[in-house]
Amino acid sequence: MKKEQKETQMEVQNDSKEESGKKQKRFSLRPRNLRQLKHGSYSIALTVIVIVAVIMINMIVGQIPSQYTQIDLSGLQLSVLTDTSKELVENLTEDITIYYILEDSNRDSYVSRLLERYEDLSSHITVVEKDPVLYPQFTSQYTDETLSDNSVILVCGDNSKVISYDDMYETEFSYYTYSSSTTGFDAEGLITSAISALISDDIPKLYTLTGHSELELTDSMVSSIEKENIEIEELSLLTSDGVPEDADCLMIVSPMSDISTTEAQMILNYLRRGGSVIIITDYTTEELPNLATVMEYYGVELVEGIVFEGNPNYYYSQYLYYLLPDINSTDVSSDLAESGSYVMVASAQGIETLDDARDTLTIESVLTTSSAAYSKVDVQNMTTYSQEDDDISGPFDLGVLVTETVELTDELLEDTASVDDSLDFDSWVDTLEVETETETETEEETDTAEDTTEAEDTTEAEDTTEEETETETEEEETDTAETRLAVFTSSALVNDSINQAVSGGNYQLIVNTVSWACNQESSVSVPSKSTVVDYLTLTAASVSFWGAVTTIILPALILLLGLGVWLSRRKR
């Protein structure tokens, strides 16, 4: 009994000890819980602060222009705006809305980023996305065509321009693989040109002559000219009374037969009253005397034969007639000359300035061969590319600009208003030349007389009659214009493949020339961005040099280095 009571008392004591131990344990955990609670609160507060900071940073970054936040690190730089586009957009004074037609799932990232950068540059540009599913009738306000996703519509007041997504990418069909591949991205060029057209007062007009088996301009060339906001239309002078009044420039590209005497009269009449003409010729065995007369009237003529180069720095690869001439700094070529670009012409003829060209003409050389160039006269029967005794020695001009300031007197305007089919063309041109020479001589004599009789002129000026005063006033009010003529001697300048071989240099020269002839004050043409590998243009001399470096010099250096290492190890 006593034993059982003792055991019971011990159990009660043990239970009491356990309970007091638990109380003590619970009491000892309270400070630790407080510390954990404090640490948890700090973590929650810090998390909230970080989340708020991230949201604020995202909001701030969202206001930064995309050109700084979305960097195009690709070598193609398809979504990067050129300086031409930036200058145009930053100087806008009119509001332009760009409607971006697309379903979000079909978004082209390059087009989308490009539009963002236009919008970032100016507060006058607003980009609005229009889903064709939600707004099925929207595009019908501006075009009858069905526009694919990623097309854009630019609107400025009552004027609008539509750019189809299909036109933004250039494709090329290969007859080797019978498949098409994308070769260029032209979205920026089209959009910048459209913006310029919307804010321009008028659009210059270029006519291309037809009826003589002329070379048709390629789609790429036409697109390059139209991006200058120049309208192109074909013209047949055989069915016209003359060059239209709205013509800013007439372009003649590689005719295979001669123009008629009536057409030559029309072209000369147009030039004499301040017109602009671009002539691109090709070597042909067919004689073109009437076209030659037009050029000769303005002081230039073609050299017989085809030009070959004797200097390997001036021709391409091993082809002595694929010329890489010097590019002189002129109104149409200064940008090419400064950038060190190439222009390539093939089977070109030389251009010679006539000794008896009138003093009122200003003739500038655009493209020039080296002094080692020569013209092969007997092209049909030549047996060697080397220079022979009968060949004509260079250097030669392969492209020139001719300008002349003319007074638009009533007499001149009347003389150039129509043509007379009954006139003998050569005699008529001779008459024009005599009249021009007489006017020049009279002006020179007048200037000389004024210089030698200054005192007498002063006295006479005091006694001037009312009739003389009226005559002087009429002369002062006579309008003047500038005749502009550009002559190039190879249609390679408008050939797609050759243009690609010089990374667009040929097209840039022709577009610059058209812009100059149309009296465009500034260029807004942005070249298409190539999506293929650019060609490296090497002259024959460069090919020979780098060929020697890679096949002789480098292997020899490697052998010498290896020999040196072997000798040093052998001595050890």
Protein backbone atom coordinates (compact mmCIF):
# COMPACT_ATOMS: atom_id res chain seq x y z
CA MET A 1 0.00 0.00 0.00
CA LYS A 2 2.68 2.47 1.05
CA LYS A 3 4.65 1.48 -1.98
CA GLU A 4 1.73 2.27 -4.29
CA GLN A 5 1.14 5.63 -2.62
CA LYS A 6 4.79 6.53 -3.11
CA GLU A 7 4.61 5.64 -6.81
CA THR A 8 1.46 7.71 -7.22
CA GLN A 9 3.08 10.69 -5.51
CA MET A 10 6.13 10.34 -7.78
CA GLU A 11 3.95 10.29 -10.90
CA VAL A 12 2.12 13.42 -9.76
CA GLN A 13 5.41 15.15 -9.07
CA ASN A 14 6.75 14.14 -12.51
CA ASP A 15 3.59 15.46 -14.21
CA SER A 16 3.94 18.74 -12.31
CA LYS A 17 7.56 19.03 -13.40
CA GLU A 18 6.65 18.36 -17.03
CA GLU A 19 3.86 20.96 -16.95
CA SER A 20 6.10 23.58 -15.40
CA GLY A 21 8.80 22.75 -17.95
CA LYS A 22 6.33 23.33 -20.77
CA LYS A 23 5.28 26.64 -19.28
CA GLN A 24 8.88 27.66 -18.98
CA LYS A 25 9.45 26.55 -22.57
CA ARG A 26 6.45 28.52 -23.83
CA PHE A 27 7.65 31.51 -21.86
CA SER A 28 11.14 31.21 -23.39
CA LEU A 29 9.76 31.09 -27.01
CA ARG A 30 7.91 34.41 -26.87
CA PRO A 31 10.95 36.69 -27.52
CA ARG A 32 12.03 34.49 -30.42
CA ASN A 33 8.58 34.74 -32.00
CA LEU A 34 8.73 38.49 -31.71
CA ARG A 35 12.05 38.60 -33.50
CA GLN A 36 10.67 36.38 -36.31
CA LEU A 37 7.65 38.63 -36.59
CA LYS A 38 9.85 41.70 -36.88
CA HIS A 39 12.01 40.06 -39.57
CA GLY A 40 8.90 39.02 -41.49
CA SER A 41 7.52 42.55 -41.39
CA TYR A 42 10.80 43.96 -42.71
CA SER A 43 10.76 41.43 -45.57
CA ILE A 44 7.20 42.27 -46.51
CA ALA A 45 7.92 46.01 -46.42
CA LEU A 46 11.07 45.57 -48.51
CA THR A 47 9.16 43.46 -51.04
CA VAL A 48 6.47 46.12 -51.34
CA ILE A 49 9.11 48.83 -51.83
CA VAL A 50 10.87 46.80 -54.57
CA ILE A 51 7.56 46.13 -56.37
CA VAL A 52 6.63 49.83 -56.24
CA ALA A 53 10.12 50.80 -57.47
CA VAL A 54 9.90 48.34 -60.38
CA ILE A 55 6.47 49.69 -61.36
CA MET A 56 7.73 53.28 -61.23
CA ILE A 57 10.85 52.43 -63.25
CA ASN A 58 8.69 50.69 -65.88
CA MET A 59 6.43 53.73 -66.05
CA ILE A 60 9.41 56.04 -66.50
CA VAL A 61 11.06 53.80 -69.11
CA GLY A 62 7.74 53.62 -70.94
CA GLN A 63 7.95 57.37 -71.53
CA ILE A 64 11.48 57.17 -73.00
CA PRO A 65 11.57 57.12 -76.85
CA SER A 66 11.84 53.62 -78.28
CA GLN A 67 15.07 54.49 -80.09
CA TYR A 68 16.78 54.45 -76.66
CA THR A 69 14.95 51.50 -75.14
CA GLN A 70 14.64 49.19 -78.14
CA ILE A 71 18.10 48.95 -79.62
CA ASP A 72 18.49 47.17 -82.96
CA LEU A 73 21.72 45.20 -82.49
CA SER A 74 21.42 43.40 -85.83
CA GLY A 75 23.81 44.26 -88.62
CA LEU A 76 20.89 45.10 -90.93
CA GLN A 77 19.55 47.96 -88.74
CA LEU A 78 16.11 47.61 -90.35
CA SER A 79 14.25 49.51 -87.63
CA VAL A 80 16.76 52.38 -87.26
CA LEU A 81 15.85 55.72 -88.87
CA THR A 82 18.37 57.47 -91.11
CA ASP A 83 19.41 61.10 -90.70
CA THR A 84 17.28 62.05 -93.73
CA SER A 85 14.11 60.79 -92.03
CA LYS A 86 15.04 62.34 -88.69
CA GLU A 87 15.65 65.78 -90.21
CA LEU A 88 12.36 65.71 -92.13
CA VAL A 89 10.24 64.55 -89.18
CA GLU A 90 11.85 66.80 -86.56
CA ASN A 91 11.08 69.87 -88.72
CA LEU A 92 7.41 69.02 -89.26
CA THR A 93 4.90 71.81 -88.68
CA GLU A 94 1.78 69.94 -89.82
CA ASP A 95 -0.01 67.12 -88.01
CA ILE A 96 0.16 63.67 -89.62
CA THR A 97 -1.74 60.60 -88.45
CA ILE A 98 -0.35 57.19 -89.38
CA TYR A 99 -2.97 54.43 -89.28
CA TYR A 100 -1.33 51.06 -88.70
CA ILE A 101 -3.56 48.32 -90.13
CA LEU A 102 -3.11 44.98 -88.35
CA GLU A 103 -4.40 42.28 -86.08
CA ASP A 104 -2.04 42.15 -83.13
CA SER A 105 -1.21 38.48 -83.70
CA ASN A 106 0.21 39.32 -87.16
CA ARG A 107 2.43 42.21 -86.07
CA ASP A 108 5.70 42.74 -87.95
CA SER A 109 8.18 43.80 -85.27
CA TYR A 110 10.35 45.81 -87.68
CA VAL A 111 7.44 47.87 -89.02
CA SER A 112 6.00 48.33 -85.53
CA ARG A 113 9.28 49.59 -84.04
CA LEU A 114 9.85 51.83 -87.04
CA LEU A 115 6.47 53.54 -86.55
CA GLU A 116 7.20 54.00 -82.84
CA ARG A 117 10.39 55.84 -83.70
CA TYR A 118 8.61 58.14 -86.14
CA GLU A 119 6.11 58.98 -83.40
CA ASP A 120 8.85 59.55 -80.82
CA LEU A 121 10.62 62.08 -83.06
CA SER A 122 7.78 64.57 -83.39
CA SER A 123 4.64 65.60 -81.54
CA HIS A 124 3.09 66.17 -84.98
CA ILE A 125 3.03 62.43 -85.72
CA THR A 126 0.45 60.14 -84.16
CA VAL A 127 0.31 56.39 -84.77
CA VAL A 128 -3.11 54.77 -84.43
CA GLU A 129 -3.59 51.01 -84.73
CA LYS A 130 -6.68 49.82 -86.61
CA ASP A 131 -7.74 46.18 -86.46
CA PRO A 132 -9.36 45.28 -89.82
CA VAL A 133 -11.61 42.78 -88.03
CA LEU A 134 -12.98 45.43 -85.65
CA TYR A 135 -13.04 48.16 -88.35
CA PRO A 136 -13.73 46.31 -91.64
CA GLN A 137 -14.74 49.46 -93.58
CA PHE A 138 -12.00 51.79 -92.35
CA THR A 139 -9.51 51.40 -95.23
CA SER A 140 -12.22 51.93 -97.87
CA GLN A 141 -12.13 55.66 -97.02
CA TYR A 142 -8.65 55.88 -98.54
CA THR A 143 -8.27 53.05 -101.08
CA ASP A 144 -10.25 50.50 -103.06
CA GLU A 145 -7.54 47.88 -102.57
CA THR A 146 -7.61 45.23 -99.87
CA LEU A 147 -4.70 45.98 -97.55
CA SER A 148 -2.85 43.20 -95.78
CA ASP A 149 -1.81 43.40 -92.13
CA ASN A 150 1.07 45.83 -91.36
CA SER A 151 0.06 48.21 -94.14
CA VAL A 152 -0.06 51.91 -93.24
CA ILE A 153 -2.18 54.90 -94.23
CA LEU A 154 -0.75 58.39 -93.70
CA VAL A 155 -3.24 61.26 -93.43
CA CYS A 156 -2.52 65.00 -93.37
CA GLY A 157 -5.62 67.14 -93.60
CA ASP A 158 -7.54 66.10 -96.72
CA ASN A 159 -4.53 64.36 -98.26
CA SER A 160 -3.56 60.74 -97.73
CA LYS A 161 -0.99 58.18 -98.83
CA VAL A 162 -1.41 54.41 -98.70
CA ILE A 163 1.58 52.09 -98.31
CA SER A 164 0.90 48.40 -98.74
CA TYR A 165 2.82 45.92 -96.62
CA ASP A 166 3.60 43.99 -99.83
CA ASP A 167 5.63 46.98 -101.08
CA MET A 168 7.73 47.27 -97.93
CA TYR A 169 9.77 44.16 -98.68
CA GLU A 170 11.63 43.77 -101.96
CA THR A 171 11.87 40.30 -103.45
CA GLU A 172 13.95 38.79 -106.21
CA PHE A 173 13.14 35.71 -108.27
CA SER A 174 15.98 33.27 -108.93
CA TYR A 175 15.86 31.31 -112.17
CA TYR A 176 18.42 28.92 -110.71
CA THR A 177 16.27 27.83 -107.77
CA TYR A 178 12.90 28.95 -109.21
CA SER A 179 12.04 30.62 -105.94
CA SER A 180 11.75 34.15 -104.60
CA SER A 181 13.80 35.56 -101.75
CA THR A 182 13.58 38.80 -99.78
CA THR A 183 16.39 41.18 -100.73
CA GLY A 184 15.43 44.50 -99.17
CA PHE A 185 13.31 46.31 -96.57
CA ASP A 186 11.97 49.63 -97.86
CA ALA A 187 9.43 50.65 -95.22
CA GLU A 188 11.40 53.70 -94.07
CA GLY A 189 11.98 54.96 -97.61
CA LEU A 190 8.28 54.68 -98.47
CA ILE A 191 7.06 56.28 -95.23
CA THR A 192 9.53 59.17 -95.36
CA SER A 193 8.69 59.82 -99.00
CA ALA A 194 4.96 59.76 -98.18
CA ILE A 195 5.42 62.27 -95.34
CA SER A 196 7.35 64.58 -97.67
CA ALA A 197 4.67 64.30 -100.36
CA LEU A 198 1.89 65.14 -97.89
CA ILE A 199 3.56 68.40 -96.85
CA SER A 200 4.77 69.40 -100.34
CA ASP A 201 2.92 71.99 -102.40
CA ASP A 202 3.54 70.40 -105.79
CA ILE A 203 5.05 67.23 -107.28
CA PRO A 204 7.63 67.52 -110.10
CA LYS A 205 6.94 65.53 -113.26
CA LEU A 206 9.47 63.47 -115.20
CA TYR A 207 8.66 62.32 -118.72
CA THR A 208 10.52 59.36 -120.26
CA LEU A 209 10.78 59.40 -124.05
CA THR A 210 9.40 56.44 -126.03
CA GLY A 211 9.24 55.42 -129.68
CA HIS A 212 12.93 54.65 -130.37
CA SER A 213 13.38 51.26 -128.65
CA GLU A 214 14.47 53.00 -125.46
CA LEU A 215 15.44 50.96 -122.43
CA GLU A 216 12.59 50.65 -119.94
CA LEU A 217 13.42 51.67 -116.40
CA THR A 218 13.38 48.79 -113.91
CA ASP A 219 10.83 48.69 -111.10
CA SER A 220 13.61 49.37 -108.59
CA MET A 221 14.77 52.43 -110.51
CA VAL A 222 11.21 53.74 -110.83
CA SER A 223 10.65 53.19 -107.12
CA SER A 224 13.87 55.05 -106.28
CA ILE A 225 12.79 58.07 -108.35
CA GLU A 226 9.22 58.06 -107.03
CA LYS A 227 10.57 58.12 -103.47
CA GLU A 228 11.91 61.57 -104.36
CA ASN A 229 8.24 62.50 -104.84
CA ILE A 230 8.71 62.82 -108.59
CA GLU A 231 5.90 61.62 -110.84
CA ILE A 232 6.93 59.55 -113.88
CA GLU A 233 5.03 59.37 -117.15
CA GLU A 234 5.93 58.13 -120.64
CA LEU A 235 5.96 60.57 -123.55
CA SER A 236 5.88 60.04 -127.31
CA LEU A 237 6.87 63.19 -129.16
CA LEU A 238 5.77 61.52 -132.40
CA THR A 239 2.17 62.04 -131.33
CA SER A 240 2.63 65.32 -129.40
CA ASP A 241 2.95 68.97 -130.32
CA GLY A 242 5.98 69.31 -128.09
CA VAL A 243 7.29 68.66 -124.61
CA PRO A 244 4.32 69.28 -122.23
CA GLU A 245 4.22 72.51 -120.24
CA ASP A 246 4.10 70.58 -116.96
CA ALA A 247 7.34 68.73 -117.72
CA ASP A 248 10.05 69.41 -115.15
CA CYS A 249 12.43 67.04 -116.92
CA LEU A 250 12.62 64.84 -120.03
CA MET A 251 14.61 61.61 -119.76
CA ILE A 252 15.97 59.71 -122.77
CA VAL A 253 17.34 56.26 -121.88
CA SER A 254 19.44 54.31 -124.39
CA PRO A 255 17.54 54.83 -127.68
CA MET A 256 18.44 52.28 -130.35
CA SER A 257 17.20 54.46 -133.24
CA ASP A 258 17.50 58.17 -133.88
CA ILE A 259 14.91 60.78 -132.99
CA SER A 260 13.30 62.60 -135.93
CA THR A 261 14.20 66.16 -136.89
CA THR A 262 10.80 67.28 -135.63
CA GLU A 263 11.43 65.65 -132.25
CA ALA A 264 14.89 67.23 -132.13
CA GLN A 265 13.32 70.65 -132.74
CA MET A 266 10.85 70.03 -129.91
CA ILE A 267 13.62 69.01 -127.49
CA LEU A 268 15.80 72.00 -128.42
CA ASN A 269 12.85 74.39 -128.07
CA TYR A 270 12.17 72.94 -124.64
CA LEU A 271 15.82 73.32 -123.59
CA ARG A 272 16.15 76.83 -125.01
CA ARG A 273 13.39 78.12 -122.75
CA GLY A 274 14.96 76.67 -119.61
CA GLY A 275 14.01 73.00 -119.75
CA SER A 276 15.88 70.02 -118.28
CA VAL A 277 16.90 66.86 -120.16
CA ILE A 278 18.76 63.73 -119.06
CA ILE A 279 20.31 61.66 -121.86
CA ILE A 280 21.70 58.18 -121.16
CA THR A 281 23.24 56.56 -124.23
CA ASP A 282 24.74 53.19 -125.10
CA TYR A 283 27.27 52.29 -127.76
CA THR A 284 25.51 51.28 -130.96
CA THR A 285 26.54 50.84 -134.58
CA GLU A 286 23.37 52.75 -135.52
CA GLU A 287 24.11 56.43 -136.19
CA LEU A 288 22.02 58.93 -134.22
CA PRO A 289 22.80 62.28 -135.91
CA ASN A 290 19.74 64.21 -134.68
CA LEU A 291 20.28 63.27 -131.05
CA ALA A 292 23.98 64.10 -131.51
CA THR A 293 23.01 67.55 -132.83
CA VAL A 294 21.03 68.27 -129.67
CA MET A 295 24.09 67.44 -127.54
CA GLU A 296 26.45 69.37 -129.83
CA TYR A 297 24.28 72.48 -129.55
CA TYR A 298 25.09 72.36 -125.85
CA GLY A 299 28.81 71.92 -126.37
CA VAL A 300 29.41 68.16 -126.03
CA GLU A 301 29.82 65.21 -128.40
CA LEU A 302 30.48 61.48 -128.04
CA VAL A 303 33.90 60.00 -128.74
CA GLU A 304 33.94 57.20 -131.29
CA GLY A 305 34.22 53.64 -129.94
CA ILE A 306 34.11 52.08 -126.46
CA VAL A 307 36.32 53.15 -123.57
CA PHE A 308 38.74 50.62 -122.03
CA GLU A 309 40.90 51.24 -118.98
CA GLY A 310 44.65 50.77 -118.86
CA ASN A 311 44.88 51.49 -115.12
CA PRO A 312 43.86 48.45 -112.99
CA ASN A 313 42.62 50.79 -110.25
CA TYR A 314 39.86 51.98 -112.58
CA TYR A 315 38.22 48.78 -113.80
CA TYR A 316 36.40 45.87 -112.19
CA SER A 317 38.01 42.46 -111.83
CA GLN A 318 39.57 41.48 -115.18
CA TYR A 319 37.01 43.33 -117.31
CA LEU A 320 38.75 46.35 -118.84
CA TYR A 321 35.45 47.82 -120.12
CA TYR A 322 33.65 47.60 -116.73
CA LEU A 323 34.87 50.96 -115.55
CA LEU A 324 35.09 52.40 -112.02
CA PRO A 325 35.72 56.07 -112.87
CA ASP A 326 36.63 58.94 -110.59
CA ILE A 327 33.56 60.65 -109.14
CA ASN A 328 33.97 64.42 -109.20
CA SER A 329 32.26 66.72 -106.72
CA THR A 330 29.22 68.26 -108.44
CA ASP A 331 25.63 69.03 -107.52
CA VAL A 332 24.67 65.43 -108.33
CA SER A 333 27.72 63.55 -107.06
CA SER A 334 29.26 65.36 -104.08
CA ASP A 335 27.76 62.90 -101.56
CA LEU A 336 29.15 59.94 -103.51
CA ALA A 337 32.57 61.56 -103.83
CA GLU A 338 32.76 62.38 -100.11
CA SER A 339 31.70 58.90 -99.00
CA GLY A 340 34.21 57.13 -101.24
CA SER A 341 31.46 55.22 -103.07
CA TYR A 342 31.84 53.53 -106.43
CA VAL A 343 29.91 53.99 -109.68
CA MET A 344 30.27 51.34 -112.38
CA VAL A 345 29.67 51.80 -116.10
CA ALA A 346 30.08 49.23 -118.86
CA SER A 347 30.84 49.63 -122.58
CA ALA A 348 30.74 53.40 -122.16
CA GLN A 349 31.69 56.07 -124.66
CA GLY A 350 33.80 59.10 -123.90
CA ILE A 351 32.35 62.62 -123.88
CA GLU A 352 34.30 65.47 -125.40
CA THR A 353 33.75 69.20 -124.91
CA LEU A 354 33.67 71.09 -128.22
CA ASP A 355 36.29 73.76 -128.76
CA ASP A 356 33.71 76.17 -130.19
CA ALA A 357 31.18 75.73 -127.36
CA ARG A 358 29.68 79.11 -126.55
CA ASP A 359 30.87 80.98 -123.48
CA THR A 360 27.41 81.05 -121.89
CA LEU A 361 27.58 77.27 -121.30
CA THR A 362 28.92 75.81 -118.06
CA ILE A 363 30.10 72.21 -118.51
CA GLU A 364 31.06 70.11 -115.46
CA SER A 365 32.53 66.62 -115.45
CA VAL A 366 30.79 64.09 -113.20
CA LEU A 367 32.65 60.86 -114.06
CA THR A 368 36.21 60.72 -115.38
CA THR A 369 38.52 57.88 -116.43
CA SER A 370 42.23 57.74 -115.72
CA SER A 371 44.74 59.12 -118.20
CA ALA A 372 45.57 55.52 -119.16
CA ALA A 373 42.12 54.98 -120.66
CA TYR A 374 41.64 54.61 -124.41
CA SER A 375 38.71 54.26 -126.79
CA LYS A 376 38.68 51.24 -129.12
CA VAL A 377 37.50 52.65 -132.41
CA ASP A 378 36.95 49.51 -134.47
CA VAL A 379 34.91 47.61 -131.88
CA GLN A 380 33.41 45.13 -134.33
CA ASN A 381 36.79 43.87 -135.59
CA MET A 382 39.06 44.27 -132.56
CA THR A 383 41.30 41.32 -131.76
CA THR A 384 42.82 42.57 -128.50
CA TYR A 385 41.80 44.56 -125.47
CA SER A 386 45.17 46.32 -125.46
CA GLN A 387 45.54 49.78 -126.90
CA GLU A 388 46.36 49.95 -130.61
CA ASP A 389 47.67 52.73 -132.84
CA ASP A 390 44.25 53.77 -134.16
CA ASP A 391 42.66 53.93 -130.69
CA ILE A 392 41.96 57.31 -129.08
CA SER A 393 43.88 58.11 -125.90
CA GLY A 394 42.16 59.38 -122.76
CA PRO A 395 41.30 60.58 -120.23
CA PHE A 396 37.58 60.79 -121.00
CA ASP A 397 34.50 62.16 -119.33
CA LEU A 398 31.75 59.54 -119.00
CA GLY A 399 29.14 61.89 -117.54
CA VAL A 400 28.72 65.67 -117.71
CA LEU A 401 26.34 68.41 -116.57
CA VAL A 402 25.64 71.37 -118.83
CA THR A 403 23.88 74.53 -117.63
CA GLU A 404 23.01 77.82 -119.30
CA THR A 405 21.09 80.84 -118.03
CA VAL A 406 18.58 82.12 -120.60
CA GLU A 407 16.40 85.22 -120.73
CA LEU A 408 12.78 84.37 -121.40
CA THR A 409 12.08 87.21 -123.80
CA ASP A 410 8.83 87.41 -125.76
CA GLU A 411 10.78 86.72 -128.93
CA LEU A 412 12.34 83.54 -127.50
CA LEU A 413 9.03 82.25 -126.17
CA GLU A 414 7.42 82.84 -129.55
CA ASP A 415 10.26 81.10 -131.43
CA THR A 416 10.10 78.03 -129.18
CA ALA A 417 6.32 77.72 -129.07
CA SER A 418 6.05 75.47 -132.15
CA VAL A 419 8.06 73.58 -134.76
CA ASP A 420 8.23 74.01 -138.52
CA ASP A 421 8.43 70.72 -140.40
CA SER A 422 9.35 72.53 -143.62
CA LEU A 423 12.65 73.81 -142.20
CA ASP A 424 15.93 72.08 -142.93
CA PHE A 425 16.99 70.94 -139.47
CA ASP A 426 20.75 71.43 -139.85
CA SER A 427 20.28 74.89 -141.35
CA TRP A 428 17.88 75.79 -138.55
CA VAL A 429 20.40 74.72 -135.88
CA ASP A 430 23.15 76.69 -137.65
CA THR A 431 20.89 79.73 -137.54
CA LEU A 432 20.40 79.29 -133.78
CA GLU A 433 24.15 79.06 -133.27
CA VAL A 434 24.77 82.20 -135.31
CA GLU A 435 22.11 84.09 -133.35
CA THR A 436 23.63 82.98 -130.06
CA GLU A 437 27.15 83.93 -131.14
CA THR A 438 25.94 87.35 -132.30
CA GLU A 439 24.22 87.99 -128.97
CA THR A 440 27.36 86.98 -127.09
CA GLU A 441 29.60 89.23 -129.21
CA THR A 442 27.21 92.15 -128.76
CA GLU A 443 27.24 91.70 -124.99
CA GLU A 444 31.06 91.57 -124.95
CA GLU A 445 31.32 94.71 -127.10
CA THR A 446 28.87 96.50 -124.83
CA ASP A 447 30.85 95.53 -121.73
CA THR A 448 34.10 96.71 -123.33
CA ALA A 449 32.59 100.01 -124.35
CA GLU A 450 31.25 100.57 -120.86
CA ASP A 451 34.68 99.89 -119.35
CA THR A 452 36.56 102.29 -121.66
CA THR A 453 34.09 105.17 -121.61
CA GLU A 454 33.09 105.33 -117.98
CA ALA A 455 33.14 109.12 -117.86
CA GLU A 456 31.03 109.44 -121.01
CA ASP A 457 28.52 106.91 -119.66
CA THR A 458 28.13 109.00 -116.51
CA THR A 459 27.33 112.07 -118.57
CA GLU A 460 24.94 110.17 -120.80
CA ALA A 461 23.21 108.65 -117.82
CA GLU A 462 22.29 112.15 -116.63
CA ASP A 463 20.66 112.92 -120.01
CA THR A 464 18.78 109.61 -120.35
CA THR A 465 15.43 109.98 -122.07
CA GLU A 466 12.16 108.54 -120.80
CA GLU A 467 12.16 106.01 -123.65
CA GLU A 468 15.54 104.57 -122.61
CA THR A 469 14.39 104.37 -119.00
CA GLU A 470 11.32 102.38 -120.03
CA THR A 471 13.53 100.01 -122.06
CA GLU A 472 15.82 99.39 -119.10
CA THR A 473 12.81 98.71 -116.87
CA GLU A 474 11.50 96.16 -119.33
CA GLU A 475 14.90 94.44 -119.44
CA GLU A 476 15.05 94.29 -115.66
CA GLU A 477 11.63 92.65 -115.57
CA THR A 478 12.59 89.94 -118.10
CA ASP A 479 12.43 86.53 -116.44
CA THR A 480 15.37 84.17 -116.59
CA ALA A 481 15.57 80.38 -116.40
CA GLU A 482 18.36 77.82 -116.24
CA THR A 483 18.69 75.16 -118.89
CA ARG A 484 19.97 71.87 -117.46
CA LEU A 485 21.34 68.97 -119.50
CA ALA A 486 22.91 65.79 -118.10
CA VAL A 487 24.63 63.27 -120.40
CA PHE A 488 25.83 59.79 -119.37
CA THR A 489 27.12 57.17 -121.79
CA SER A 490 26.16 53.82 -120.26
CA SER A 491 22.79 52.33 -119.36
CA ALA A 492 24.62 50.26 -116.71
CA LEU A 493 23.74 53.18 -114.44
CA VAL A 494 20.10 51.98 -114.42
CA ASN A 495 20.84 48.24 -114.27
CA ASP A 496 19.78 46.42 -111.08
CA SER A 497 22.63 43.89 -110.98
CA ILE A 498 25.40 46.39 -111.62
CA ASN A 499 23.87 48.79 -109.11
CA GLN A 500 23.93 46.02 -106.50
CA ALA A 501 27.58 45.32 -107.30
CA VAL A 502 28.48 48.87 -106.20
CA SER A 503 26.12 48.87 -103.20
CA GLY A 504 23.61 51.28 -104.73
CA GLY A 505 26.05 53.90 -106.03
CA ASN A 506 24.65 53.90 -109.58
CA TYR A 507 21.05 54.45 -108.53
CA GLN A 508 22.06 57.15 -106.10
CA LEU A 509 23.81 59.05 -108.90
CA ILE A 510 20.80 58.81 -111.24
CA VAL A 511 18.30 59.74 -108.53
CA ASN A 512 20.47 62.73 -107.58
CA THR A 513 20.60 63.75 -111.24
CA VAL A 514 16.82 63.50 -111.66
CA SER A 515 16.33 65.54 -108.49
CA TRP A 516 18.79 68.16 -109.78
CA ALA A 517 17.14 68.31 -113.19
CA CYS A 518 13.70 68.73 -111.56
CA ASN A 519 15.16 71.49 -109.38
CA GLN A 520 14.43 69.69 -106.13
CA GLU A 521 16.04 71.70 -103.33
CA SER A 522 16.64 68.74 -101.02
CA SER A 523 16.52 64.97 -101.31
CA VAL A 524 14.18 62.86 -99.20
CA SER A 525 15.04 59.57 -100.83
CA VAL A 526 16.03 56.84 -98.36
CA PRO A 527 17.58 53.79 -100.05
CA SER A 528 16.08 50.39 -99.40
CA LYS A 529 17.93 48.50 -96.66
CA SER A 530 19.43 45.31 -98.00
CA THR A 531 18.59 42.06 -96.22
CA VAL A 532 21.35 40.22 -98.06
CA VAL A 533 25.12 40.41 -97.84
CA ASP A 534 26.55 43.64 -99.33
CA TYR A 535 29.02 43.26 -102.16
CA LEU A 536 32.61 44.32 -101.70
CA THR A 537 33.68 46.16 -104.84
CA LEU A 538 37.34 45.59 -105.69
CA THR A 539 39.31 47.03 -108.54
CA ALA A 540 41.57 44.77 -110.59
CA ALA A 541 44.59 46.18 -108.75
CA SER A 542 42.99 45.41 -105.38
CA VAL A 543 42.17 41.87 -106.47
CA SER A 544 45.78 41.31 -107.53
CA PHE A 545 47.16 42.79 -104.30
CA TRP A 546 44.95 40.79 -101.92
CA GLY A 547 45.40 37.69 -104.05
CA ALA A 548 49.17 38.00 -103.60
CA VAL A 549 48.75 38.63 -99.86
CA THR A 550 46.57 35.56 -99.26
CA THR A 551 48.31 33.11 -101.61
CA ILE A 552 51.98 34.14 -101.34
CA ILE A 553 52.82 36.56 -98.54
CA LEU A 554 50.80 35.00 -95.69
CA PRO A 555 51.87 31.39 -96.47
CA ALA A 556 55.51 32.56 -96.71
CA LEU A 557 55.27 34.31 -93.32
CA ILE A 558 53.76 31.19 -91.74
CA LEU A 559 56.57 29.03 -93.18
CA LEU A 560 59.23 31.45 -91.92
CA LEU A 561 57.63 31.52 -88.47
CA GLY A 562 57.53 27.72 -88.36
CA LEU A 563 61.16 27.53 -89.49
CA GLY A 564 62.17 29.95 -86.74
CA VAL A 565 60.39 27.89 -84.07
CA TRP A 566 62.01 24.66 -85.34
CA LEU A 567 65.51 26.18 -85.30
CA SER A 568 65.08 27.57 -81.78
CA ARG A 569 63.93 24.20 -80.45
CA ARG A 570 66.76 22.36 -82.21
CA LYS A 571 69.38 24.56 -80.48
CA ARG A 572 67.98 23.51 -77.11
